[in-house]
């Protein structure tokens, strides 16, 4: 058996979240509320018995993972492939500002996983970037079961869940985002390689 359970945790609330700004690869910071969200969720994640903790290299994810790791007794491994979608020219803008500058483009982006913001990535490209992280974990866990926690971002997590479940890309927009400090859980039955969705947007 390989990797048995994968927990995908979204970082806590950031200053950009509060302002309604699109973050992408911009390195925003946790607010005091965001740090409190990380502290609140950490015992729940630790109770799942993870043996590995991996984070996006963006500060909001690393700081969230650090809180979880302190409670779970795990070091944090950082992997830039787990970054949020690069939003190109939209980064730092609010949705209203994007709509003003690129009328109708937000709707196109939300409805088509293959559509990318100008200078940015599509959801499909993000999944192609992040999926090898999970594939490599599968190879590492080829002799025993494992529970891995990945701390990342809402857009990446939604896309990666769809990709790991093998959902047709036209259905991806039906999977909504996660709240800050909430997680998705994927699991496998013993000796069966197919991922199942065990929980989504789980948390306080």
C-alpha atoms as a PDB file:
ATOM      1  CA  UNK A   1       0.000   0.000   0.000  1.00  0.00           C
ATOM      2  CA  UNK A   2       1.140   3.566  -0.594  1.00  0.00           C
ATOM      3  CA  UNK A   3      -0.084   6.861   0.775  1.00  0.00           C
ATOM      4  CA  UNK A   4      -3.346   6.155   2.616  1.00  0.00           C
ATOM      5  CA  UNK A   5      -4.667   9.589   3.590  1.00  0.00           C
ATOM      6  CA  UNK A   6      -3.983  13.077   2.274  1.00  0.00           C
ATOM      7  CA  UNK A   7      -5.140  16.137   4.199  1.00  0.00           C
ATOM      8  CA  UNK A   8      -5.110  19.436   2.312  1.00  0.00           C
ATOM      9  CA  UNK A   9      -5.296  22.409   4.672  1.00  0.00           C
ATOM     10  CA  UNK A  10      -5.838  25.987   3.552  1.00  0.00           C
ATOM     11  CA  UNK A  11      -3.808  28.669   5.305  1.00  0.00           C
ATOM     12  CA  UNK A  12      -5.340  31.058   7.836  1.00  0.00           C
ATOM     13  CA  UNK A  13      -6.852  34.424   6.968  1.00  0.00           C
ATOM     14  CA  UNK A  14      -4.470  37.006   5.531  1.00  0.00           C
ATOM     15  CA  UNK A  15      -4.396  40.766   5.121  1.00  0.00           C
ATOM     16  CA  UNK A  16      -5.285  40.265   1.448  1.00  0.00           C
ATOM     17  CA  UNK A  17      -8.243  38.043   2.373  1.00  0.00           C
ATOM     18  CA  UNK A  18      -9.554  40.794   4.635  1.00  0.00           C
ATOM     19  CA  UNK A  19      -9.255  43.357   1.832  1.00  0.00           C
ATOM     20  CA  UNK A  20     -10.745  41.003  -0.761  1.00  0.00           C
ATOM     21  CA  UNK A  21      -7.606  41.105  -2.893  1.00  0.00           C
ATOM     22  CA  UNK A  22      -6.401  38.305  -5.132  1.00  0.00           C
ATOM     23  CA  UNK A  23      -3.155  36.898  -3.776  1.00  0.00           C
ATOM     24  CA  UNK A  24      -1.754  34.382  -6.218  1.00  0.00           C
ATOM     25  CA  UNK A  25       2.031  34.312  -5.732  1.00  0.00           C
ATOM     26  CA  UNK A  26       2.116  37.562  -3.754  1.00  0.00           C
ATOM     27  CA  UNK A  27       3.490  36.889  -0.277  1.00  0.00           C
ATOM     28  CA  UNK A  28       0.713  38.123   1.990  1.00  0.00           C
ATOM     29  CA  UNK A  29       0.748  37.633   5.767  1.00  0.00           C
ATOM     30  CA  UNK A  30      -1.528  36.036   8.326  1.00  0.00           C
ATOM     31  CA  UNK A  31      -3.658  38.417  10.354  1.00  0.00           C
ATOM     32  CA  UNK A  32      -4.083  37.862  14.109  1.00  0.00           C
ATOM     33  CA  UNK A  33      -7.365  36.116  13.251  1.00  0.00           C
ATOM     34  CA  UNK A  34      -5.534  33.975  10.712  1.00  0.00           C
ATOM     35  CA  UNK A  35      -2.992  32.937  13.306  1.00  0.00           C
ATOM     36  CA  UNK A  36      -5.840  32.103  15.690  1.00  0.00           C
ATOM     37  CA  UNK A  37      -7.410  29.951  12.966  1.00  0.00           C
ATOM     38  CA  UNK A  38      -4.143  28.033  12.619  1.00  0.00           C
ATOM     39  CA  UNK A  39      -3.949  27.551  16.377  1.00  0.00           C
ATOM     40  CA  UNK A  40      -7.561  26.344  16.492  1.00  0.00           C
ATOM     41  CA  UNK A  41      -7.176  23.805  13.694  1.00  0.00           C
ATOM     42  CA  UNK A  42      -3.774  22.450  14.734  1.00  0.00           C
ATOM     43  CA  UNK A  43      -5.054  20.002  17.401  1.00  0.00           C
ATOM     44  CA  UNK A  44      -7.623  18.591  14.959  1.00  0.00           C
ATOM     45  CA  UNK A  45      -4.957  18.010  12.318  1.00  0.00           C
ATOM     46  CA  UNK A  46      -2.572  16.501  14.880  1.00  0.00           C
ATOM     47  CA  UNK A  47      -5.331  14.099  15.982  1.00  0.00           C
ATOM     48  CA  UNK A  48      -5.366  12.603  12.469  1.00  0.00           C
ATOM     49  CA  UNK A  49      -1.913  11.153  13.170  1.00  0.00           C
ATOM     50  CA  UNK A  50       0.083  12.641  10.300  1.00  0.00           C
ATOM     51  CA  UNK A  51       3.654  11.532   9.768  1.00  0.00           C
ATOM     52  CA  UNK A  52       4.599  14.178   7.200  1.00  0.00           C
ATOM     53  CA  UNK A  53       3.855  17.914   6.906  1.00  0.00           C
ATOM     54  CA  UNK A  54       4.502  19.742   3.648  1.00  0.00           C
ATOM     55  CA  UNK A  55       3.797  23.394   2.875  1.00  0.00           C
ATOM     56  CA  UNK A  56       3.729  25.823   0.006  1.00  0.00           C
ATOM     57  CA  UNK A  57       6.688  28.172   0.282  1.00  0.00           C
ATOM     58  CA  UNK A  58       4.475  31.267   0.492  1.00  0.00           C
ATOM     59  CA  UNK A  59       4.575  32.883   3.928  1.00  0.00           C
ATOM     60  CA  UNK A  60       0.870  32.501   4.729  1.00  0.00           C
ATOM     61  CA  UNK A  61       1.111  28.738   4.251  1.00  0.00           C
ATOM     62  CA  UNK A  62       4.489  28.329   5.959  1.00  0.00           C
ATOM     63  CA  UNK A  63       3.296  30.216   9.043  1.00  0.00           C
ATOM     64  CA  UNK A  64       0.113  28.137   9.223  1.00  0.00           C
ATOM     65  CA  UNK A  65       2.115  24.934   8.812  1.00  0.00           C
ATOM     66  CA  UNK A  66       4.523  26.016  11.532  1.00  0.00           C
ATOM     67  CA  UNK A  67       1.680  26.240  14.041  1.00  0.00           C
ATOM     68  CA  UNK A  68       0.353  22.827  12.996  1.00  0.00           C
ATOM     69  CA  UNK A  69       3.818  21.294  13.097  1.00  0.00           C
ATOM     70  CA  UNK A  70       4.465  22.566  16.610  1.00  0.00           C
ATOM     71  CA  UNK A  71       1.335  20.808  17.870  1.00  0.00           C
ATOM     72  CA  UNK A  72       1.770  17.647  15.784  1.00  0.00           C
ATOM     73  CA  UNK A  73       5.479  17.351  16.558  1.00  0.00           C
ATOM     74  CA  UNK A  74       6.462  17.455  12.899  1.00  0.00           C
ATOM     75  CA  UNK A  75       8.981  19.505  10.923  1.00  0.00           C
ATOM     76  CA  UNK A  76       7.684  21.457   7.940  1.00  0.00           C
ATOM     77  CA  UNK A  77       9.023  20.593   4.498  1.00  0.00           C
ATOM     78  CA  UNK A  78       8.564  23.446   2.019  1.00  0.00           C
ATOM     79  CA  UNK A  79       7.781  22.825  -1.653  1.00  0.00           C
ATOM     80  CA  UNK A  80       7.222  25.711  -4.104  1.00  0.00           C
ATOM     81  CA  UNK A  81       5.168  23.467  -6.392  1.00  0.00           C
ATOM     82  CA  UNK A  82       2.347  23.867  -3.855  1.00  0.00           C
ATOM     83  CA  UNK A  83       2.010  27.605  -4.443  1.00  0.00           C
ATOM     84  CA  UNK A  84      -1.352  29.122  -5.253  1.00  0.00           C
ATOM     85  CA  UNK A  85      -2.366  29.772  -8.859  1.00  0.00           C
ATOM     86  CA  UNK A  86      -0.269  32.507 -10.417  1.00  0.00           C
ATOM     87  CA  UNK A  87      -2.838  35.155 -11.282  1.00  0.00           C
ATOM     88  CA  UNK A  88      -0.611  37.191 -13.567  1.00  0.00           C
ATOM     89  CA  UNK A  89      -1.780  40.762 -14.056  1.00  0.00           C
ATOM     90  CA  UNK A  90      -4.656  40.252 -11.609  1.00  0.00           C
ATOM     91  CA  UNK A  91      -2.506  39.768  -8.528  1.00  0.00           C
ATOM     92  CA  UNK A  92      -3.209  42.381  -5.876  1.00  0.00           C
ATOM     93  CA  UNK A  93      -6.521  43.443  -7.416  1.00  0.00           C
ATOM     94  CA  UNK A  94     -10.006  42.990  -6.020  1.00  0.00           C
ATOM     95  CA  UNK A  95     -12.580  41.095  -8.064  1.00  0.00           C
ATOM     96  CA  UNK A  96     -14.356  44.393  -8.767  1.00  0.00           C
ATOM     97  CA  UNK A  97     -11.117  45.905 -10.082  1.00  0.00           C
ATOM     98  CA  UNK A  98     -10.490  42.886 -12.294  1.00  0.00           C
ATOM     99  CA  UNK A  99     -14.035  43.101 -13.640  1.00  0.00           C
ATOM    100  CA  UNK A 100     -13.497  46.759 -14.424  1.00  0.00           C
ATOM    101  CA  UNK A 101     -10.212  46.144 -16.233  1.00  0.00           C
ATOM    102  CA  UNK A 102     -11.146  42.832 -17.886  1.00  0.00           C
ATOM    103  CA  UNK A 103     -14.952  42.774 -18.256  1.00  0.00           C
ATOM    104  CA  UNK A 104     -16.357  39.239 -18.138  1.00  0.00           C
ATOM    105  CA  UNK A 105     -12.965  37.613 -17.561  1.00  0.00           C
ATOM    106  CA  UNK A 106     -13.659  36.554 -13.963  1.00  0.00           C
ATOM    107  CA  UNK A 107     -16.682  34.550 -15.140  1.00  0.00           C
ATOM    108  CA  UNK A 108     -14.585  32.903 -17.863  1.00  0.00           C
ATOM    109  CA  UNK A 109     -11.868  32.016 -15.355  1.00  0.00           C
ATOM    110  CA  UNK A 110     -14.293  30.546 -12.840  1.00  0.00           C
ATOM    111  CA  UNK A 111     -16.138  28.453 -15.420  1.00  0.00           C
ATOM    112  CA  UNK A 112     -13.223  27.091 -17.461  1.00  0.00           C
ATOM    113  CA  UNK A 113     -10.281  25.301 -15.744  1.00  0.00           C
ATOM    114  CA  UNK A 114      -8.236  25.724 -18.919  1.00  0.00           C
ATOM    115  CA  UNK A 115      -8.573  29.519 -18.940  1.00  0.00           C
ATOM    116  CA  UNK A 116      -5.699  31.544 -17.467  1.00  0.00           C
ATOM    117  CA  UNK A 117      -5.580  35.176 -16.356  1.00  0.00           C
ATOM    118  CA  UNK A 118      -3.262  37.317 -18.518  1.00  0.00           C
ATOM    119  CA  UNK A 119       0.283  36.355 -17.622  1.00  0.00           C
ATOM    120  CA  UNK A 120      -0.928  33.678 -15.175  1.00  0.00           C
ATOM    121  CA  UNK A 121      -1.759  29.991 -14.888  1.00  0.00           C
ATOM    122  CA  UNK A 122      -4.888  27.988 -15.590  1.00  0.00           C
ATOM    123  CA  UNK A 123      -6.295  25.632 -12.973  1.00  0.00           C
ATOM    124  CA  UNK A 124      -5.219  22.693 -15.135  1.00  0.00           C
ATOM    125  CA  UNK A 125      -1.636  23.996 -15.222  1.00  0.00           C
ATOM    126  CA  UNK A 126      -1.643  24.374 -11.439  1.00  0.00           C
ATOM    127  CA  UNK A 127      -2.718  20.752 -10.988  1.00  0.00           C
ATOM    128  CA  UNK A 128      -0.016  19.577 -13.404  1.00  0.00           C
ATOM    129  CA  UNK A 129       2.502  21.517 -11.295  1.00  0.00           C
ATOM    130  CA  UNK A 130       1.326  20.179  -7.925  1.00  0.00           C
ATOM    131  CA  UNK A 131       0.320  16.611  -8.764  1.00  0.00           C
ATOM    132  CA  UNK A 132       3.928  15.306  -8.855  1.00  0.00           C
ATOM    133  CA  UNK A 133       4.252  16.157  -5.153  1.00  0.00           C
ATOM    134  CA  UNK A 134       1.608  13.525  -4.394  1.00  0.00           C
ATOM    135  CA  UNK A 135       3.009  11.080  -6.938  1.00  0.00           C
ATOM    136  CA  UNK A 136       6.430  11.296  -5.276  1.00  0.00           C
ATOM    137  CA  UNK A 137       4.867  10.682  -1.873  1.00  0.00           C
ATOM    138  CA  UNK A 138       3.237   7.544  -3.270  1.00  0.00           C
ATOM    139  CA  UNK A 139       6.637   6.255  -4.276  1.00  0.00           C
ATOM    140  CA  UNK A 140       8.084   7.002  -0.841  1.00  0.00           C
ATOM    141  CA  UNK A 141       5.253   5.184   0.943  1.00  0.00           C
ATOM    142  CA  UNK A 142       5.442   2.038  -1.136  1.00  0.00           C
ATOM    143  CA  UNK A 143       5.950  -0.281   1.862  1.00  0.00           C
ATOM    144  CA  UNK A 144       3.694   1.176   4.553  1.00  0.00           C
ATOM    145  CA  UNK A 145       0.642   3.351   5.010  1.00  0.00           C
ATOM    146  CA  UNK A 146       1.074   7.075   5.427  1.00  0.00           C
ATOM    147  CA  UNK A 147      -0.906  10.155   6.427  1.00  0.00           C
ATOM    148  CA  UNK A 148       0.377  13.395   4.931  1.00  0.00           C
ATOM    149  CA  UNK A 149      -0.780  16.950   5.566  1.00  0.00           C
ATOM    150  CA  UNK A 150      -0.261  19.556   2.864  1.00  0.00           C
ATOM    151  CA  UNK A 151      -0.731  23.217   3.797  1.00  0.00           C
ATOM    152  CA  UNK A 152      -1.515  25.262   0.727  1.00  0.00           C
ATOM    153  CA  UNK A 153      -4.106  27.516  -0.893  1.00  0.00           C
ATOM    154  CA  UNK A 154      -7.767  27.458  -1.808  1.00  0.00           C
ATOM    155  CA  UNK A 155      -7.435  27.398  -5.582  1.00  0.00           C
ATOM    156  CA  UNK A 156      -4.657  24.837  -5.611  1.00  0.00           C
ATOM    157  CA  UNK A 157      -6.467  22.563  -3.160  1.00  0.00           C
ATOM    158  CA  UNK A 158      -9.748  22.644  -5.102  1.00  0.00           C
ATOM    159  CA  UNK A 159      -7.926  21.813  -8.327  1.00  0.00           C
ATOM    160  CA  UNK A 160      -5.766  19.109  -6.791  1.00  0.00           C
ATOM    161  CA  UNK A 161      -8.796  17.410  -5.244  1.00  0.00           C
ATOM    162  CA  UNK A 162     -10.444  17.330  -8.678  1.00  0.00           C
ATOM    163  CA  UNK A 163      -7.295  16.011 -10.316  1.00  0.00           C
ATOM    164  CA  UNK A 164      -6.673  13.283  -7.745  1.00  0.00           C
ATOM    165  CA  UNK A 165     -10.289  12.137  -7.908  1.00  0.00           C
ATOM    166  CA  UNK A 166     -10.029  11.926 -11.688  1.00  0.00           C
ATOM    167  CA  UNK A 167     -12.992  14.220 -12.282  1.00  0.00           C
ATOM    168  CA  UNK A 168     -13.565  15.426 -15.861  1.00  0.00           C
ATOM    169  CA  UNK A 169     -12.272  18.973 -16.184  1.00  0.00           C
ATOM    170  CA  UNK A 170     -15.690  20.319 -17.149  1.00  0.00           C
ATOM    171  CA  UNK A 171     -16.921  19.388 -13.652  1.00  0.00           C
ATOM    172  CA  UNK A 172     -14.105  21.157 -11.781  1.00  0.00           C
ATOM    173  CA  UNK A 173     -15.973  24.468 -11.354  1.00  0.00           C
ATOM    174  CA  UNK A 174     -18.599  22.603  -9.289  1.00  0.00           C
ATOM    175  CA  UNK A 175     -16.016  22.093  -6.501  1.00  0.00           C
ATOM    176  CA  UNK A 176     -16.059  25.243  -4.390  1.00  0.00           C
ATOM    177  CA  UNK A 177     -13.260  26.840  -2.457  1.00  0.00           C
ATOM    178  CA  UNK A 178     -12.251  26.198   1.136  1.00  0.00           C
ATOM    179  CA  UNK A 179     -12.603  28.599   4.013  1.00  0.00           C
ATOM    180  CA  UNK A 180      -9.453  29.809   5.718  1.00  0.00           C
ATOM    181  CA  UNK A 181      -8.164  27.231   8.184  1.00  0.00           C
ATOM    182  CA  UNK A 182     -10.352  24.472   6.721  1.00  0.00           C
ATOM    183  CA  UNK A 183      -9.297  21.290   4.995  1.00  0.00           C
ATOM    184  CA  UNK A 184     -10.141  18.579   2.492  1.00  0.00           C
ATOM    185  CA  UNK A 185      -9.391  14.923   3.151  1.00  0.00           C
ATOM    186  CA  UNK A 186      -8.758  12.199   0.586  1.00  0.00           C
ATOM    187  CA  UNK A 187      -8.442   8.540   1.559  1.00  0.00           C
ATOM    188  CA  UNK A 188      -7.891   5.120   0.044  1.00  0.00           C
ATOM    189  CA  UNK A 189      -9.090   1.694   1.012  1.00  0.00           C
ATOM    190  CA  UNK A 190      -6.338  -0.821   1.755  1.00  0.00           C
ATOM    191  CA  UNK A 191      -4.753  -2.156  -1.445  1.00  0.00           C
ATOM    192  CA  UNK A 192      -6.936   0.016  -3.660  1.00  0.00           C
ATOM    193  CA  UNK A 193      -5.257   2.892  -5.497  1.00  0.00           C
ATOM    194  CA  UNK A 194      -8.308   5.067  -6.145  1.00  0.00           C
ATOM    195  CA  UNK A 195      -8.697   8.189  -4.031  1.00  0.00           C
ATOM    196  CA  UNK A 196     -12.043   8.878  -2.315  1.00  0.00           C
ATOM    197  CA  UNK A 197     -13.230  12.202  -0.959  1.00  0.00           C
ATOM    198  CA  UNK A 198     -13.542  11.734   2.805  1.00  0.00           C
ATOM    199  CA  UNK A 199     -14.248  15.346   3.739  1.00  0.00           C
ATOM    200  CA  UNK A 200     -14.325  18.837   2.234  1.00  0.00           C
ATOM    201  CA  UNK A 201     -14.276  22.264   3.849  1.00  0.00           C
ATOM    202  CA  UNK A 202     -13.892  20.559   7.217  1.00  0.00           C
ATOM    203  CA  UNK A 203     -13.153  22.658  10.291  1.00  0.00           C
ATOM    204  CA  UNK A 204     -14.514  25.103  12.805  1.00  0.00           C
END
